[in-house]
PDB file of N, CA and C in Angstrom:
ATOM      1  N   MET A   1      67.124  96.051  98.434  1.00  0.00           N
ATOM      2  CA  MET A   1      68.024  96.060  99.688  1.00  0.00           C
ATOM      3  C   MET A   1      67.324  96.369 100.886  1.00  0.00           C
ATOM      4  N   SER A   2      67.721  95.846 102.021  1.00  0.00           N
ATOM      5  CA  SER A   2      67.115  95.806 103.041  1.00  0.00           C
ATOM      6  C   SER A   2      66.985  97.534 103.891  1.00  0.00           C
ATOM      7  N   ASN A   3      66.204  97.499 104.761  1.00  0.00           N
ATOM      8  CA  ASN A   3      65.731  98.840 105.047  1.00  0.00           C
ATOM      9  C   ASN A   3      67.067  99.235 105.894  1.00  0.00           C
ATOM     10  N   ILE A   4      67.710  98.245 106.781  1.00  0.00           N
ATOM     11  CA  ILE A   4      68.892  98.382 107.452  1.00  0.00           C
ATOM     12  C   ILE A   4      70.122  98.970 106.495  1.00  0.00           C
ATOM     13  N   GLY A   5      70.056  98.380 105.289  1.00  0.00           N
ATOM     14  CA  GLY A   5      71.228  98.657 104.356  1.00  0.00           C
ATOM     15  C   GLY A   5      70.888 100.162 103.762  1.00  0.00           C
ATOM     16  N   LYS A   6      69.651 100.539 103.575  1.00  0.00           N
ATOM     17  CA  LYS A   6      69.472 101.893 103.027  1.00  0.00           C
ATOM     18  C   LYS A   6      69.968 102.842 104.231  1.00  0.00           C
ATOM     19  N   ILE A   7      69.473 102.684 105.457  1.00  0.00           N
ATOM     20  CA  ILE A   7      69.688 103.199 106.506  1.00  0.00           C
ATOM     21  C   ILE A   7      71.409 103.768 106.401  1.00  0.00           C
ATOM     22  N   GLY A   8      71.917 102.645 106.453  1.00  0.00           N
ATOM     23  CA  GLY A   8      73.586 102.519 106.477  1.00  0.00           C
ATOM     24  C   GLY A   8      74.197 103.415 105.289  1.00  0.00           C
ATOM     25  N   GLU A   9      73.625 103.273 104.059  1.00  0.00           N
ATOM     26  CA  GLU A   9      74.100 103.956 102.949  1.00  0.00           C
ATOM     27  C   GLU A   9      73.658 105.447 103.076  1.00  0.00           C
ATOM     28  N   GLU A  10      72.698 105.692 103.527  1.00  0.00           N
ATOM     29  CA  GLU A  10      72.189 107.159 103.803  1.00  0.00           C
ATOM     30  C   GLU A  10      73.538 107.940 104.788  1.00  0.00           C
ATOM     31  N   ALA A  11      73.632 107.080 105.820  1.00  0.00           N
ATOM     32  CA  ALA A  11      74.525 107.345 106.728  1.00  0.00           C
ATOM     33  C   ALA A  11      75.838 107.634 106.230  1.00  0.00           C
ATOM     34  N   ALA A  12      76.190 106.779 105.549  1.00  0.00           N
ATOM     35  CA  ALA A  12      77.470 106.853 105.038  1.00  0.00           C
ATOM     36  C   ALA A  12      77.805 108.083 104.056  1.00  0.00           C
ATOM     37  N   SER A  13      76.729 107.986 103.087  1.00  0.00           N
ATOM     38  CA  SER A  13      76.635 109.286 102.242  1.00  0.00           C
ATOM     39  C   SER A  13      76.815 110.756 103.042  1.00  0.00           C
ATOM     40  N   LYS A  14      76.090 110.898 103.891  1.00  0.00           N
ATOM     41  CA  LYS A  14      76.021 112.167 105.068  1.00  0.00           C
ATOM     42  C   LYS A  14      77.399 112.371 105.552  1.00  0.00           C
ATOM     43  N   TYR A  15      77.956 111.116 105.957  1.00  0.00           N
ATOM     44  CA  TYR A  15      79.221 111.250 106.624  1.00  0.00           C
ATOM     45  C   TYR A  15      80.379 111.612 105.574  1.00  0.00           C
ATOM     46  N   LEU A  16      80.443 111.130 104.396  1.00  0.00           N
ATOM     47  CA  LEU A  16      81.521 111.425 103.398  1.00  0.00           C
ATOM     48  C   LEU A  16      81.435 112.908 103.144  1.00  0.00           C
ATOM     49  N   LYS A  17      80.132 113.464 102.684  1.00  0.00           N
ATOM     50  CA  LYS A  17      79.678 114.873 102.393  1.00  0.00           C
ATOM     51  C   LYS A  17      80.069 115.606 103.409  1.00  0.00           C
ATOM     52  N   ALA A  18      80.075 115.213 104.669  1.00  0.00           N
ATOM     53  CA  ALA A  18      80.376 116.209 105.842  1.00  0.00           C
ATOM     54  C   ALA A  18      82.040 116.070 105.898  1.00  0.00           C
ATOM     55  N   LYS A  19      82.652 115.183 105.395  1.00  0.00           N
ATOM     56  CA  LYS A  19      84.181 115.181 105.366  1.00  0.00           C
ATOM     57  C   LYS A  19      84.563 115.754 103.948  1.00  0.00           C
ATOM     58  N   GLY A  20      83.844 116.353 103.114  1.00  0.00           N
ATOM     59  CA  GLY A  20      84.323 116.997 102.048  1.00  0.00           C
ATOM     60  C   GLY A  20      84.152 116.267 100.758  1.00  0.00           C
ATOM     61  N   TYR A  21      83.918 115.185 100.713  1.00  0.00           N
ATOM     62  CA  TYR A  21      83.567 114.142  99.426  1.00  0.00           C
ATOM     63  C   TYR A  21      82.515 114.856  98.784  1.00  0.00           C
ATOM     64  N   ARG A  22      82.757 114.641  97.400  1.00  0.00           N
ATOM     65  CA  ARG A  22      81.404 114.764  96.404  1.00  0.00           C
ATOM     66  C   ARG A  22      81.036 113.395  96.088  1.00  0.00           C
ATOM     67  N   ILE A  23      79.838 113.119  96.189  1.00  0.00           N
ATOM     68  CA  ILE A  23      79.186 111.757  95.865  1.00  0.00           C
ATOM     69  C   ILE A  23      78.985 112.090  94.319  1.00  0.00           C
ATOM     70  N   ARG A  24      79.420 110.984  93.513  1.00  0.00           N
ATOM     71  CA  ARG A  24      79.018 110.995  91.978  1.00  0.00           C
ATOM     72  C   ARG A  24      77.992 109.839  92.075  1.00  0.00           C
ATOM     73  N   GLU A  25      77.738 108.933  92.608  1.00  0.00           N
ATOM     74  CA  GLU A  25      76.675 107.970  92.353  1.00  0.00           C
ATOM     75  C   GLU A  25      76.475 107.046  93.655  1.00  0.00           C
ATOM     76  N   ILE A  26      75.266 106.675  93.732  1.00  0.00           N
ATOM     77  CA  ILE A  26      74.755 105.819  94.945  1.00  0.00           C
ATOM     78  C   ILE A  26      74.150 104.811  94.145  1.00  0.00           C
ATOM     79  N   ASN A  27      74.761 103.386  94.575  1.00  0.00           N
ATOM     80  CA  ASN A  27      73.795 102.232  94.212  1.00  0.00           C
ATOM     81  C   ASN A  27      74.113 102.256  92.491  1.00  0.00           C
ATOM     82  N   TYR A  28      75.603 102.134  92.304  1.00  0.00           N
ATOM     83  CA  TYR A  28      75.833 102.065  90.859  1.00  0.00           C
ATOM     84  C   TYR A  28      75.760 100.617  90.360  1.00  0.00           C
ATOM     85  N   ARG A  29      74.814 100.408  89.450  1.00  0.00           N
ATOM     86  CA  ARG A  29      74.685  98.729  89.045  1.00  0.00           C
ATOM     87  C   ARG A  29      74.986  98.588  87.545  1.00  0.00           C
ATOM     88  N   THR A  30      75.389  97.386  87.430  1.00  0.00           N
ATOM     89  CA  THR A  30      75.882  96.899  86.091  1.00  0.00           C
ATOM     90  C   THR A  30      75.549  95.533  86.135  1.00  0.00           C
ATOM     91  N   PHE A  31      75.768  94.542  84.753  1.00  0.00           N
ATOM     92  CA  PHE A  31      75.367  93.341  85.325  1.00  0.00           C
ATOM     93  C   PHE A  31      76.656  92.793  85.987  1.00  0.00           C
ATOM     94  N   LEU A  32      77.782  93.346  86.143  1.00  0.00           N
ATOM     95  CA  LEU A  32      78.779  92.911  87.071  1.00  0.00           C
ATOM     96  C   LEU A  32      78.427  92.946  88.760  1.00  0.00           C
ATOM     97  N   GLY A  33      77.684  93.667  88.929  1.00  0.00           N
ATOM     98  CA  GLY A  33      77.258  93.975  90.407  1.00  0.00           C
ATOM     99  C   GLY A  33      76.861  95.261  90.634  1.00  0.00           C
ATOM    100  N   GLU A  34      77.312  95.699  91.812  1.00  0.00           N
ATOM    101  CA  GLU A  34      76.809  96.952  92.568  1.00  0.00           C
ATOM    102  C   GLU A  34      78.012  97.587  93.295  1.00  0.00           C
ATOM    103  N   ILE A  35      78.073  98.915  93.189  1.00  0.00           N
ATOM    104  CA  ILE A  35      78.953  99.732  94.173  1.00  0.00           C
ATOM    105  C   ILE A  35      78.125 100.496  95.065  1.00  0.00           C
ATOM    106  N   ASP A  36      78.155 100.270  96.378  1.00  0.00           N
ATOM    107  CA  ASP A  36      77.130 101.100  97.069  1.00  0.00           C
ATOM    108  C   ASP A  36      77.564 102.897  96.884  1.00  0.00           C
ATOM    109  N   ILE A  37      78.513 103.563  97.060  1.00  0.00           N
ATOM    110  CA  ILE A  37      78.799 104.743  96.786  1.00  0.00           C
ATOM    111  C   ILE A  37      79.962 105.002  95.949  1.00  0.00           C
ATOM    112  N   ILE A  38      79.859 105.881  94.822  1.00  0.00           N
ATOM    113  CA  ILE A  38      81.185 106.155  94.121  1.00  0.00           C
ATOM    114  C   ILE A  38      81.397 107.851  94.432  1.00  0.00           C
ATOM    115  N   SER A  39      82.453 108.086  94.909  1.00  0.00           N
ATOM    116  CA  SER A  39      82.735 109.496  95.591  1.00  0.00           C
ATOM    117  C   SER A  39      83.919 110.105  94.956  1.00  0.00           C
ATOM    118  N   GLU A  40      84.134 111.331  95.029  1.00  0.00           N
ATOM    119  CA  GLU A  40      85.320 111.997  94.519  1.00  0.00           C
ATOM    120  C   GLU A  40      85.738 112.883  95.809  1.00  0.00           C
ATOM    121  N   TYR A  41      87.341 112.654  96.091  1.00  0.00           N
ATOM    122  CA  TYR A  41      87.789 113.452  97.229  1.00  0.00           C
ATOM    123  C   TYR A  41      89.260 114.059  96.475  1.00  0.00           C
ATOM    124  N   LYS A  42      89.407 115.168  96.520  1.00  0.00           N
ATOM    125  CA  LYS A  42      91.087 115.594  96.047  1.00  0.00           C
ATOM    126  C   LYS A  42      91.356 114.769  94.859  1.00  0.00           C
ATOM    127  N   ASN A  43      90.538 114.927  93.796  1.00  0.00           N
ATOM    128  CA  ASN A  43      90.740 114.342  92.344  1.00  0.00           C
ATOM    129  C   ASN A  43      91.140 112.931  92.353  1.00  0.00           C
ATOM    130  N   ASN A  44      90.588 112.311  93.339  1.00  0.00           N
ATOM    131  CA  ASN A  44      90.600 110.680  93.398  1.00  0.00           C
ATOM    132  C   ASN A  44      89.197 110.327  93.204  1.00  0.00           C
ATOM    133  N   ILE A  45      89.097 109.118  92.522  1.00  0.00           N
ATOM    134  CA  ILE A  45      87.720 108.477  92.596  1.00  0.00           C
ATOM    135  C   ILE A  45      87.687 107.432  93.629  1.00  0.00           C
ATOM    136  N   ILE A  46      86.640 107.462  94.594  1.00  0.00           N
ATOM    137  CA  ILE A  46      86.777 106.560  95.770  1.00  0.00           C
ATOM    138  C   ILE A  46      85.368 105.637  95.645  1.00  0.00           C
ATOM    139  N   PHE A  47      85.749 104.372  95.878  1.00  0.00           N
ATOM    140  CA  PHE A  47      84.649 103.354  95.705  1.00  0.00           C
ATOM    141  C   PHE A  47      84.417 102.762  97.040  1.00  0.00           C
ATOM    142  N   VAL A  48      83.176 103.005  97.455  1.00  0.00           N
ATOM    143  CA  VAL A  48      82.693 102.668  98.925  1.00  0.00           C
ATOM    144  C   VAL A  48      81.948 101.588  98.955  1.00  0.00           C
ATOM    145  N   GLU A  49      82.158 100.574  99.766  1.00  0.00           N
ATOM    146  CA  GLU A  49      81.222  99.402 100.098  1.00  0.00           C
ATOM    147  C   GLU A  49      80.789  99.737 101.344  1.00  0.00           C
ATOM    148  N   VAL A  50      79.617  99.775 101.559  1.00  0.00           N
ATOM    149  CA  VAL A  50      78.865 100.004 103.167  1.00  0.00           C
ATOM    150  C   VAL A  50      78.527  98.830 103.501  1.00  0.00           C
ATOM    151  N   LYS A  51      78.775  98.518 104.987  1.00  0.00           N
ATOM    152  CA  LYS A  51      78.268  97.547 105.614  1.00  0.00           C
ATOM    153  C   LYS A  51      77.745  97.848 106.895  1.00  0.00           C
ATOM    154  N   THR A  52      76.251  97.497 107.145  1.00  0.00           N
ATOM    155  CA  THR A  52      75.571  98.095 108.290  1.00  0.00           C
ATOM    156  C   THR A  52      75.250  96.820 109.051  1.00  0.00           C
ATOM    157  N   ARG A  53      75.138  96.743 110.456  1.00  0.00           N
ATOM    158  CA  ARG A  53      74.831  96.019 111.259  1.00  0.00           C
ATOM    159  C   ARG A  53      73.877  96.373 112.518  1.00  0.00           C
ATOM    160  N   CYS A  54      73.176  95.666 112.867  1.00  0.00           N
ATOM    161  CA  CYS A  54      72.263  95.915 114.094  1.00  0.00           C
ATOM    162  C   CYS A  54      73.377  95.081 115.247  1.00  0.00           C
ATOM    163  N   SER A  55      73.819  94.177 114.907  1.00  0.00           N
ATOM    164  CA  SER A  55      74.582  93.324 116.017  1.00  0.00           C
ATOM    165  C   SER A  55      75.372  92.553 115.455  1.00  0.00           C
ATOM    166  N   ASP A  56      76.351  91.871 115.985  1.00  0.00           N
ATOM    167  CA  ASP A  56      77.511  90.766 115.520  1.00  0.00           C
ATOM    168  C   ASP A  56      77.060  89.485 115.362  1.00  0.00           C
ATOM    169  N   LYS A  57      75.665  89.270 115.671  1.00  0.00           N
ATOM    170  CA  LYS A  57      75.220  87.879 115.612  1.00  0.00           C
ATOM    171  C   LYS A  57      75.503  87.023 114.228  1.00  0.00           C
ATOM    172  N   PHE A  58      75.466  87.688 113.197  1.00  0.00           N
ATOM    173  CA  PHE A  58      75.918  87.307 111.800  1.00  0.00           C
ATOM    174  C   PHE A  58      77.471  87.771 111.532  1.00  0.00           C
ATOM    175  N   GLY A  59      78.137  87.922 112.369  1.00  0.00           N
ATOM    176  CA  GLY A  59      79.407  88.447 112.133  1.00  0.00           C
ATOM    177  C   GLY A  59      79.633  89.743 112.006  1.00  0.00           C
ATOM    178  N   TYR A  60      80.996  90.194 112.113  1.00  0.00           N
ATOM    179  CA  TYR A  60      81.303  91.645 111.757  1.00  0.00           C
ATOM    180  C   TYR A  60      81.198  92.237 110.676  1.00  0.00           C
ATOM    181  N   PRO A  61      80.638  93.236 110.484  1.00  0.00           N
ATOM    182  CA  PRO A  61      80.404  93.817 109.222  1.00  0.00           C
ATOM    183  C   PRO A  61      81.543  93.674 108.249  1.00  0.00           C
ATOM    184  N   GLU A  62      82.832  93.987 108.554  1.00  0.00           N
ATOM    185  CA  GLU A  62      84.173  93.898 107.678  1.00  0.00           C
ATOM    186  C   GLU A  62      84.326  92.666 107.208  1.00  0.00           C
ATOM    187  N   GLU A  63      83.793  91.340 108.003  1.00  0.00           N
ATOM    188  CA  GLU A  63      84.056  89.940 107.365  1.00  0.00           C
ATOM    189  C   GLU A  63      83.239  89.782 106.344  1.00  0.00           C
ATOM    190  N   ALA A  64      82.172  90.559 106.171  1.00  0.00           N
ATOM    191  CA  ALA A  64      81.410  90.639 104.735  1.00  0.00           C
ATOM    192  C   ALA A  64      82.025  90.862 103.573  1.00  0.00           C
ATOM    193  N   VAL A  65      82.942  91.746 103.539  1.00  0.00           N
ATOM    194  CA  VAL A  65      83.817  92.255 102.369  1.00  0.00           C
ATOM    195  C   VAL A  65      84.922  91.359 102.148  1.00  0.00           C
ATOM    196  N   ASN A  66      84.716  90.231 101.652  1.00  0.00           N
ATOM    197  CA  ASN A  66      85.606  88.970 101.348  1.00  0.00           C
ATOM    198  C   ASN A  66      86.329  89.067 100.042  1.00  0.00           C
ATOM    199  N   PHE A  67      87.195  88.231  99.787  1.00  0.00           N
ATOM    200  CA  PHE A  67      88.011  88.254  98.498  1.00  0.00           C
ATOM    201  C   PHE A  67      86.992  88.246  97.054  1.00  0.00           C
ATOM    202  N   ILE A  68      85.880  87.455  97.264  1.00  0.00           N
ATOM    203  CA  ILE A  68      85.016  87.304  96.173  1.00  0.00           C
ATOM    204  C   ILE A  68      84.259  88.774  96.137  1.00  0.00           C
ATOM    205  N   LYS A  69      83.767  89.203  97.157  1.00  0.00           N
ATOM    206  CA  LYS A  69      82.955  90.602  97.011  1.00  0.00           C
ATOM    207  C   LYS A  69      84.012  91.596  96.728  1.00  0.00           C
ATOM    208  N   GLN A  70      85.356  91.605  97.150  1.00  0.00           N
ATOM    209  CA  GLN A  70      86.134  92.751  96.475  1.00  0.00           C
ATOM    210  C   GLN A  70      86.500  92.387  95.088  1.00  0.00           C
ATOM    211  N   LYS A  71      86.571  91.291  94.565  1.00  0.00           N
ATOM    212  CA  LYS A  71      86.684  91.213  93.046  1.00  0.00           C
ATOM    213  C   LYS A  71      85.566  91.701  92.397  1.00  0.00           C
ATOM    214  N   LYS A  72      84.165  91.401  93.091  1.00  0.00           N
ATOM    215  CA  LYS A  72      83.069  92.238  92.066  1.00  0.00           C
ATOM    216  C   LYS A  72      83.175  93.664  91.874  1.00  0.00           C
ATOM    217  N   ILE A  73      83.659  94.122  93.241  1.00  0.00           N
ATOM    218  CA  ILE A  73      83.639  95.602  93.445  1.00  0.00           C
ATOM    219  C   ILE A  73      84.635  96.093  92.332  1.00  0.00           C
ATOM    220  N   ILE A  74      85.888  95.543  92.327  1.00  0.00           N
ATOM    221  CA  ILE A  74      86.999  95.960  91.357  1.00  0.00           C
ATOM    222  C   ILE A  74      86.474  95.646  89.941  1.00  0.00           C
ATOM    223  N   LYS A  75      85.715  94.656  89.614  1.00  0.00           N
ATOM    224  CA  LYS A  75      85.514  94.407  88.273  1.00  0.00           C
ATOM    225  C   LYS A  75      84.367  95.678  87.710  1.00  0.00           C
ATOM    226  N   ASN A  76      83.446  96.145  88.722  1.00  0.00           N
ATOM    227  CA  ASN A  76      82.585  97.180  88.627  1.00  0.00           C
ATOM    228  C   ASN A  76      83.162  98.273  88.472  1.00  0.00           C
ATOM    229  N   ALA A  77      84.308  98.672  89.337  1.00  0.00           N
ATOM    230  CA  ALA A  77      84.996  99.874  89.230  1.00  0.00           C
ATOM    231  C   ALA A  77      85.773  99.967  87.959  1.00  0.00           C
ATOM    232  N   LEU A  78      86.390  99.047  87.523  1.00  0.00           N
ATOM    233  CA  LEU A  78      87.085  99.059  86.263  1.00  0.00           C
ATOM    234  C   LEU A  78      86.128  99.541  85.203  1.00  0.00           C
ATOM    235  N   ASN A  79      84.932  98.939  85.246  1.00  0.00           N
ATOM    236  CA  ASN A  79      83.675  99.329  84.281  1.00  0.00           C
ATOM    237  C   ASN A  79      83.641 100.813  84.311  1.00  0.00           C
ATOM    238  N   TYR A  80      83.120 101.222  85.467  1.00  0.00           N
ATOM    239  CA  TYR A  80      82.993 102.636  85.804  1.00  0.00           C
ATOM    240  C   TYR A  80      83.965 103.502  85.217  1.00  0.00           C
ATOM    241  N   LEU A  81      85.162 103.278  85.686  1.00  0.00           N
ATOM    242  CA  LEU A  81      86.408 104.078  85.178  1.00  0.00           C
ATOM    243  C   LEU A  81      86.723 104.074  83.534  1.00  0.00           C
ATOM    244  N   ALA A  82      86.271 103.139  82.959  1.00  0.00           N
ATOM    245  CA  ALA A  82      86.297 102.918  81.652  1.00  0.00           C
ATOM    246  C   ALA A  82      85.108 103.753  81.014  1.00  0.00           C
ATOM    247  N   LYS A  83      84.010 103.543  81.418  1.00  0.00           N
ATOM    248  CA  LYS A  83      82.591 104.191  80.964  1.00  0.00           C
ATOM    249  C   LYS A  83      82.896 105.474  80.916  1.00  0.00           C
ATOM    250  N   TYR A  84      83.390 106.153  81.850  1.00  0.00           N
ATOM    251  CA  TYR A  84      83.465 107.680  82.257  1.00  0.00           C
ATOM    252  C   TYR A  84      84.880 108.129  81.852  1.00  0.00           C
ATOM    253  N   HIS A  85      85.570 107.252  81.214  1.00  0.00           N
ATOM    254  CA  HIS A  85      87.240 107.816  80.694  1.00  0.00           C
ATOM    255  C   HIS A  85      87.997 108.378  81.823  1.00  0.00           C
ATOM    256  N   LEU A  86      88.216 107.464  83.083  1.00  0.00           N
ATOM    257  CA  LEU A  86      88.389 108.245  84.291  1.00  0.00           C
ATOM    258  C   LEU A  86      89.696 107.033  84.424  1.00  0.00           C
ATOM    259  N   GLY A  87      90.326 106.464  83.605  1.00  0.00           N
ATOM    260  CA  GLY A  87      91.230 105.596  83.919  1.00  0.00           C
ATOM    261  C   GLY A  87      92.680 106.178  84.223  1.00  0.00           C
ATOM    262  N   GLN A  88      92.793 107.574  84.024  1.00  0.00           N
ATOM    263  CA  GLN A  88      94.321 108.200  84.439  1.00  0.00           C
ATOM    264  C   GLN A  88      93.896 108.634  85.821  1.00  0.00           C
ATOM    265  N   ILE A  89      92.774 108.693  86.466  1.00  0.00           N
ATOM    266  CA  ILE A  89      92.566 109.413  87.868  1.00  0.00           C
ATOM    267  C   ILE A  89      92.885 108.316  88.824  1.00  0.00           C
ATOM    268  N   ASN A  90      93.494 108.434  89.899  1.00  0.00           N
ATOM    269  CA  ASN A  90      93.911 107.880  90.948  1.00  0.00           C
ATOM    270  C   ASN A  90      92.440 107.356  91.448  1.00  0.00           C
ATOM    271  N   SER A  91      92.116 106.169  91.891  1.00  0.00           N
ATOM    272  CA  SER A  91      90.982 105.627  92.497  1.00  0.00           C
ATOM    273  C   SER A  91      91.469 104.828  93.804  1.00  0.00           C
ATOM    274  N   ARG A  92      90.574 104.426  94.839  1.00  0.00           N
ATOM    275  CA  ARG A  92      90.760 103.726  95.952  1.00  0.00           C
ATOM    276  C   ARG A  92      89.535 102.694  96.581  1.00  0.00           C
ATOM    277  N   PHE A  93      89.850 101.946  96.955  1.00  0.00           N
ATOM    278  CA  PHE A  93      88.603 101.239  97.636  1.00  0.00           C
ATOM    279  C   PHE A  93      88.445 101.237  99.180  1.00  0.00           C
ATOM    280  N   ASP A  94      87.395 101.909  99.553  1.00  0.00           N
ATOM    281  CA  ASP A  94      87.001 102.026 101.049  1.00  0.00           C
ATOM    282  C   ASP A  94      85.935 101.216 101.362  1.00  0.00           C
ATOM    283  N   VAL A  95      85.826 101.209 102.719  1.00  0.00           N
ATOM    284  CA  VAL A  95      84.802 100.231 103.270  1.00  0.00           C
ATOM    285  C   VAL A  95      84.261 100.881 104.479  1.00  0.00           C
ATOM    286  N   ILE A  96      82.977 101.370 104.455  1.00  0.00           N
ATOM    287  CA  ILE A  96      82.407 101.933 106.013  1.00  0.00           C
ATOM    288  C   ILE A  96      81.711 101.242 106.414  1.00  0.00           C
ATOM    289  N   LEU A  97      81.822 100.967 107.655  1.00  0.00           N
ATOM    290  CA  LEU A  97      80.908  99.999 108.569  1.00  0.00           C
ATOM    291  C   LEU A  97      80.239 101.062 109.490  1.00  0.00           C
ATOM    292  N   ILE A  98      78.956 100.371 109.443  1.00  0.00           N
ATOM    293  CA  ILE A  98      77.780 101.274 110.364  1.00  0.00           C
ATOM    294  C   ILE A  98      77.067 100.129 111.308  1.00  0.00           C
ATOM    295  N   LYS A  99      77.235 100.827 112.493  1.00  0.00           N
ATOM    296  CA  LYS A  99      76.717 100.016 113.414  1.00  0.00           C
ATOM    297  C   LYS A  99      75.347 100.915 114.008  1.00  0.00           C
ATOM    298  N   ILE A 100      74.157 100.260 113.980  1.00  0.00           N
ATOM    299  CA  ILE A 100      73.007 100.978 114.175  1.00  0.00           C
ATOM    300  C   ILE A 100      72.169 100.093 115.611  1.00  0.00           C
ATOM    301  N   SER A 101      71.395 100.911 116.221  1.00  0.00           N
ATOM    302  CA  SER A 101      70.885 100.259 117.505  1.00  0.00           C
ATOM    303  C   SER A 101      69.245 100.144 116.966  1.00  0.00           C
ATOM    304  N   LYS A 102      68.448  99.337 117.722  1.00  0.00           N
ATOM    305  CA  LYS A 102      67.367  98.917 117.564  1.00  0.00           C
ATOM    306  C   LYS A 102      66.337  99.979 116.835  1.00  0.00           C
ATOM    307  N   PRO A 103      66.478 101.233 117.315  1.00  0.00           N
ATOM    308  CA  PRO A 103      65.361 102.042 116.870  1.00  0.00           C
ATOM    309  C   PRO A 103      66.064 102.932 115.603  1.00  0.00           C
ATOM    310  N   LYS A 104      67.109 102.049 115.195  1.00  0.00           N
ATOM    311  CA  LYS A 104      67.722 102.515 113.843  1.00  0.00           C
ATOM    312  C   LYS A 104      68.377 103.996 113.913  1.00  0.00           C
ATOM    313  N   THR A 105      69.077 104.400 115.158  1.00  0.00           N
ATOM    314  CA  THR A 105      69.841 105.093 115.065  1.00  0.00           C
ATOM    315  C   THR A 105      71.461 104.652 115.078  1.00  0.00           C
ATOM    316  N   ILE A 106      72.167 105.762 114.557  1.00  0.00           N
ATOM    317  CA  ILE A 106      73.644 105.405 114.339  1.00  0.00           C
ATOM    318  C   ILE A 106      74.194 105.331 115.709  1.00  0.00           C
ATOM    319  N   LYS A 107      75.041 104.202 115.870  1.00  0.00           N
ATOM    320  CA  LYS A 107      75.930 103.803 116.971  1.00  0.00           C
ATOM    321  C   LYS A 107      77.253 104.448 116.696  1.00  0.00           C
ATOM    322  N   ASP A 108      77.655 104.096 115.447  1.00  0.00           N
ATOM    323  CA  ASP A 108      79.184 104.029 115.011  1.00  0.00           C
ATOM    324  C   ASP A 108      79.371 103.968 113.626  1.00  0.00           C
ATOM    325  N   ILE A 109      80.372 104.952 113.122  1.00  0.00           N
ATOM    326  CA  ILE A 109      80.693 104.650 111.866  1.00  0.00           C
ATOM    327  C   ILE A 109      82.272 104.651 111.703  1.00  0.00           C
ATOM    328  N   LYS A 110      82.576 103.689 110.984  1.00  0.00           N
ATOM    329  CA  LYS A 110      84.080 103.513 110.912  1.00  0.00           C
ATOM    330  C   LYS A 110      84.347 103.359 109.483  1.00  0.00           C
ATOM    331  N   HIS A 111      85.383 104.104 109.228  1.00  0.00           N
ATOM    332  CA  HIS A 111      85.807 104.547 107.790  1.00  0.00           C
ATOM    333  C   HIS A 111      87.376 103.823 107.413  1.00  0.00           C
ATOM    334  N   ILE A 112      87.207 102.730 106.591  1.00  0.00           N
ATOM    335  CA  ILE A 112      88.482 101.972 106.418  1.00  0.00           C
ATOM    336  C   ILE A 112      89.010 102.477 105.035  1.00  0.00           C
ATOM    337  N   LYS A 113      89.853 103.364 104.883  1.00  0.00           N
ATOM    338  CA  LYS A 113      90.535 103.829 103.595  1.00  0.00           C
ATOM    339  C   LYS A 113      91.300 103.116 103.257  1.00  0.00           C
ATOM    340  N   ASN A 114      91.399 102.749 101.768  1.00  0.00           N
ATOM    341  CA  ASN A 114      92.207 101.832 101.106  1.00  0.00           C
ATOM    342  C   ASN A 114      92.081 100.269 101.762  1.00  0.00           C
ATOM    343  N   ALA A 115      90.838  99.844 101.918  1.00  0.00           N
ATOM    344  CA  ALA A 115      90.336  98.671 102.512  1.00  0.00           C
ATOM    345  C   ALA A 115      91.128  97.446 101.613  1.00  0.00           C
ATOM    346  N   PHE A 116      91.090  97.684 100.463  1.00  0.00           N
ATOM    347  CA  PHE A 116      91.720  96.497  99.473  1.00  0.00           C
ATOM    348  C   PHE A 116      92.201  97.410  98.269  1.00  0.00           C
ATOM    349  N   TYR A 117      92.865  96.689  97.372  1.00  0.00           N
ATOM    350  CA  TYR A 117      93.524  97.416  96.219  1.00  0.00           C
ATOM    351  C   TYR A 117      93.373  96.895  94.919  1.00  0.00           C
ATOM    352  N   LEU A 118      93.492  97.452  94.116  1.00  0.00           N
ATOM    353  CA  LEU A 118      93.618  96.963  92.701  1.00  0.00           C
ATOM    354  C   LEU A 118      95.082  96.979  92.188  1.00  0.00           C
ATOM    355  N   ASP A 119      95.519  95.756  92.288  1.00  0.00           N
ATOM    356  CA  ASP A 119      96.895  95.437  91.925  1.00  0.00           C
ATOM    357  C   ASP A 119      97.041  94.139  90.988  1.00  0.00           C
ATOM    358  N   SER A 120      98.497  93.736  90.733  1.00  0.00           N
ATOM    359  CA  SER A 120      98.610  92.821  89.710  1.00  0.00           C
ATOM    360  C   SER A 120      98.018  91.469  90.312  1.00  0.00           C
ATOM    361  N   ASN A 121      97.844  91.347  91.621  1.00  0.00           N
ATOM    362  CA  ASN A 121      97.406  90.069  92.386  1.00  0.00           C
ATOM    363  C   ASN A 121      96.011  90.053  92.246  1.00  0.00           C
ATOM    364  N   ASN A 122      95.447  91.086  92.620  1.00  0.00           N
ATOM    365  CA  ASN A 122      94.038  91.457  92.727  1.00  0.00           C
ATOM    366  C   ASN A 122      93.233  91.839  91.844  1.00  0.00           C
ATOM    367  N   ASN A 123      93.739  91.831  90.295  1.00  0.00           N
ATOM    368  CA  ASN A 123      92.917  92.373  89.228  1.00  0.00           C
ATOM    369  C   ASN A 123      92.466  91.200  88.647  1.00  0.00           C
ATOM    370  N   PRO A 124      91.112  91.273  88.341  1.00  0.00           N
ATOM    371  CA  PRO A 124      90.317  89.969  87.935  1.00  0.00           C
ATOM    372  C   PRO A 124      90.438  89.835  86.363  1.00  0.00           C
ATOM    373  N   PHE A 125      91.135  90.862  85.811  1.00  0.00           N
ATOM    374  CA  PHE A 125      91.276  90.778  84.469  1.00  0.00           C
ATOM    375  C   PHE A 125      92.628  90.202  83.918  1.00  0.00           C
ATOM    376  N   ASN A 126      93.186  90.033  84.948  1.00  0.00           N
ATOM    377  CA  ASN A 126      94.759  89.420  84.588  1.00  0.00           C
ATOM    378  C   ASN A 126      94.447  88.144  84.265  1.00  0.00           C
TER     379      ASN A 126
END
């Protein structure tokens, strides 16, 4: 992971904790891929993808969470829910966008709740 990515994930984790979320996992990895943050909030499991940028030179951060990336996150999330027997608990997929300045200070945090969904059209196991 890049240093910028690490800064973003740390900022997102602090942000979520300040909002009352409990962090369950950071950088949850399996052969299916990685989920940046898995948290819990009001009896819901929240799978969070964090995107950090210094500039928009390589596109807006939200553009990096495309359909292919979403499918990978969903597969990994289903694996996590099965592994920990959490299939009956509500879950959602959020994206946190972090913009930082050159000296690596946080300029902006944008939290997109329910950024994408696990449904019959988006379920990679169908």
